[in-house]
Protein backbone atom coordinates (compact mmCIF):
# COMPACT_ATOMS: atom_id res chain seq x y z
CA MET A 1 17.90 246.03 141.36
CA GLN A 2 16.59 244.45 144.47
CA GLU A 3 19.73 245.48 146.35
CA ARG A 4 19.50 249.09 145.29
CA LEU A 5 15.67 249.33 146.07
CA ALA A 6 16.11 247.68 149.51
CA GLY A 7 18.58 250.40 150.38
CA GLN A 8 15.69 252.93 149.83
CA GLY A 9 13.18 250.91 151.79
CA VAL A 10 11.47 249.20 148.86
CA ASP A 11 11.78 245.40 149.00
CA ILE A 12 10.68 243.61 145.96
CA PRO A 13 10.34 239.78 145.71
CA ASP A 14 12.66 237.51 143.54
CA PHE A 15 12.18 237.38 139.95
CA ALA A 16 9.27 234.84 139.22
CA PRO A 17 7.70 235.74 135.92
CA ARG A 18 4.11 234.61 135.37
CA LEU A 19 4.92 233.04 131.92
CA ASP A 20 1.28 231.97 131.32
CA LEU A 21 0.32 235.58 131.44
CA TYR A 22 3.15 236.76 129.37
CA PHE A 23 2.28 234.30 126.63
CA LYS A 24 -1.44 235.25 126.76
CA ALA A 25 -0.68 238.98 126.46
CA ALA A 26 1.74 238.23 123.64
CA ASP A 27 -0.81 236.09 121.78
CA ALA A 28 -3.35 238.90 122.17
CA GLY A 29 -1.06 241.39 120.63
CA TYR A 30 -0.40 243.71 123.48
CA LEU A 31 2.93 242.51 124.66
CA LEU A 32 5.91 242.62 122.44
CA ASN A 33 8.90 240.59 123.31
CA TYR A 34 12.33 241.46 121.77
CA VAL A 35 15.32 239.22 122.32
CA VAL A 36 19.13 239.82 121.48
CA ARG A 37 21.16 236.71 120.78
CA LEU A 38 24.75 236.32 120.33
CA ASP A 39 25.83 233.07 118.69
CA GLY A 40 22.33 231.75 119.37
CA ALA A 41 22.46 232.45 123.21
CA PRO A 42 20.21 235.26 124.60
CA VAL A 43 22.26 238.19 126.10
CA GLY A 44 19.29 240.67 126.45
CA TYR A 45 15.51 241.28 126.17
CA SER A 46 12.79 243.73 126.53
CA ASN A 47 9.00 243.42 126.87
CA ILE A 48 6.78 246.31 125.85
CA TYR A 49 3.19 246.66 126.47
CA LEU A 50 0.77 248.32 123.83
CA THR A 51 -2.34 249.99 124.93
CA ASN A 52 -4.48 252.88 123.96
CA ASP A 53 -4.31 256.15 125.70
CA MET A 54 -7.58 256.60 127.77
CA HIS A 55 -7.65 260.12 126.93
CA ASN A 56 -7.40 260.31 123.20
CA GLY A 57 -7.16 256.70 121.94
CA GLU A 58 -3.67 256.98 120.53
CA LEU A 59 -1.64 253.80 120.54
CA ILE A 60 0.90 254.14 123.41
CA ALA A 61 3.67 251.67 124.69
CA GLN A 62 4.99 251.04 128.17
CA GLU A 63 8.23 249.27 129.03
CA ASP A 64 7.76 246.34 131.23
CA THR A 65 11.43 245.43 131.16
CA ILE A 66 14.67 246.00 129.35
CA TYR A 67 17.79 244.01 130.18
CA MET A 68 21.14 243.33 129.10
CA LEU A 69 23.63 241.00 130.70
CA PRO A 70 26.21 243.23 132.16
CA GLU A 71 29.15 241.92 130.03
CA HIS A 72 27.01 243.07 126.93
CA ARG A 73 26.49 246.50 128.08
CA ASN A 74 28.78 247.84 125.38
CA GLY A 75 26.43 249.35 122.82
CA VAL A 76 24.32 246.24 122.22
CA GLY A 77 21.49 247.72 124.63
CA LYS A 78 21.46 250.99 122.60
CA LYS A 79 21.07 248.83 119.33
CA LEU A 80 18.17 247.10 120.97
CA SER A 81 16.62 250.39 122.04
CA GLN A 82 16.93 251.76 118.58
CA PHE A 83 15.33 248.60 117.12
CA ILE A 84 12.51 248.75 119.46
CA LEU A 85 11.91 252.40 118.65
CA ALA A 86 11.82 251.67 114.88
CA ASP A 87 9.50 248.76 115.36
CA LEU A 88 7.09 250.86 117.47
CA LYS A 89 7.13 253.64 115.02
CA THR A 90 5.97 251.19 112.13
CA ARG A 91 3.09 250.14 114.40
CA ASP A 92 2.06 253.81 114.69
CA VAL A 93 2.86 254.03 118.41
CA LYS A 94 2.68 257.71 119.42
CA ARG A 95 4.75 257.47 122.75
CA LEU A 96 7.08 254.95 124.65
CA SER A 97 7.43 255.29 128.45
CA VAL A 98 10.49 253.69 130.07
CA THR A 99 11.87 253.60 133.58
CA ALA A 100 15.61 253.49 134.36
CA ILE A 101 15.57 251.31 137.38
CA THR A 102 18.27 248.56 137.35
CA ASP A 103 21.11 250.87 136.28
CA LEU A 104 20.28 254.58 136.55
CA ARG A 105 23.03 255.57 134.07
CA VAL A 106 20.89 254.12 131.26
CA ALA A 107 18.70 257.23 131.62
CA LYS A 108 21.61 259.30 130.22
CA LEU A 109 21.75 257.02 126.99
CA TRP A 110 17.97 257.21 126.56
CA GLU A 111 18.34 261.08 126.94
CA ARG A 112 20.92 261.02 124.10
CA MET A 113 18.55 259.14 121.98
CA GLY A 114 15.90 261.72 122.29
CA PHE A 115 13.83 260.54 125.34
CA LYS A 116 12.45 263.41 127.41
CA HIS A 117 12.26 263.62 131.26
CA THR A 118 8.42 263.74 131.69
CA ALA A 119 7.96 262.62 135.31
CA HIS A 120 9.59 261.76 138.67
CA HIS A 121 8.88 258.15 139.47
CA MET A 122 7.80 257.63 142.97
CA THR A 123 6.95 254.52 144.99
CA TYR A 124 4.79 254.16 148.17
CA VAL A 125 5.32 250.93 150.19
CA PHE A 126 2.43 249.56 152.05
């Protein structure tokens, strides 16, 4: 992702998660973490934020990250996405917004799963 974005003039720092904030958000109930394990080893994960729509109060969700190890991008990511959608539905979430950024081809998968193109994501670099 860094390499692809750098080619477009958007430099992002190395991955350095602020785990203390992730744990605090998870404990507060507004960050959901999903992990895919194969023989006990993690091969993919997703973090989803829950919030209320500021316009009407509906519960909505925003993807923070969805990642699968390249050698496991063979349908496992689709199963993870389906699991997440089913879980969010049970929580009465009305909408989930996701951004295909690491591998732009994943947008085609999401489109086949029923996701709609609703915006064009832009980044301004200071």
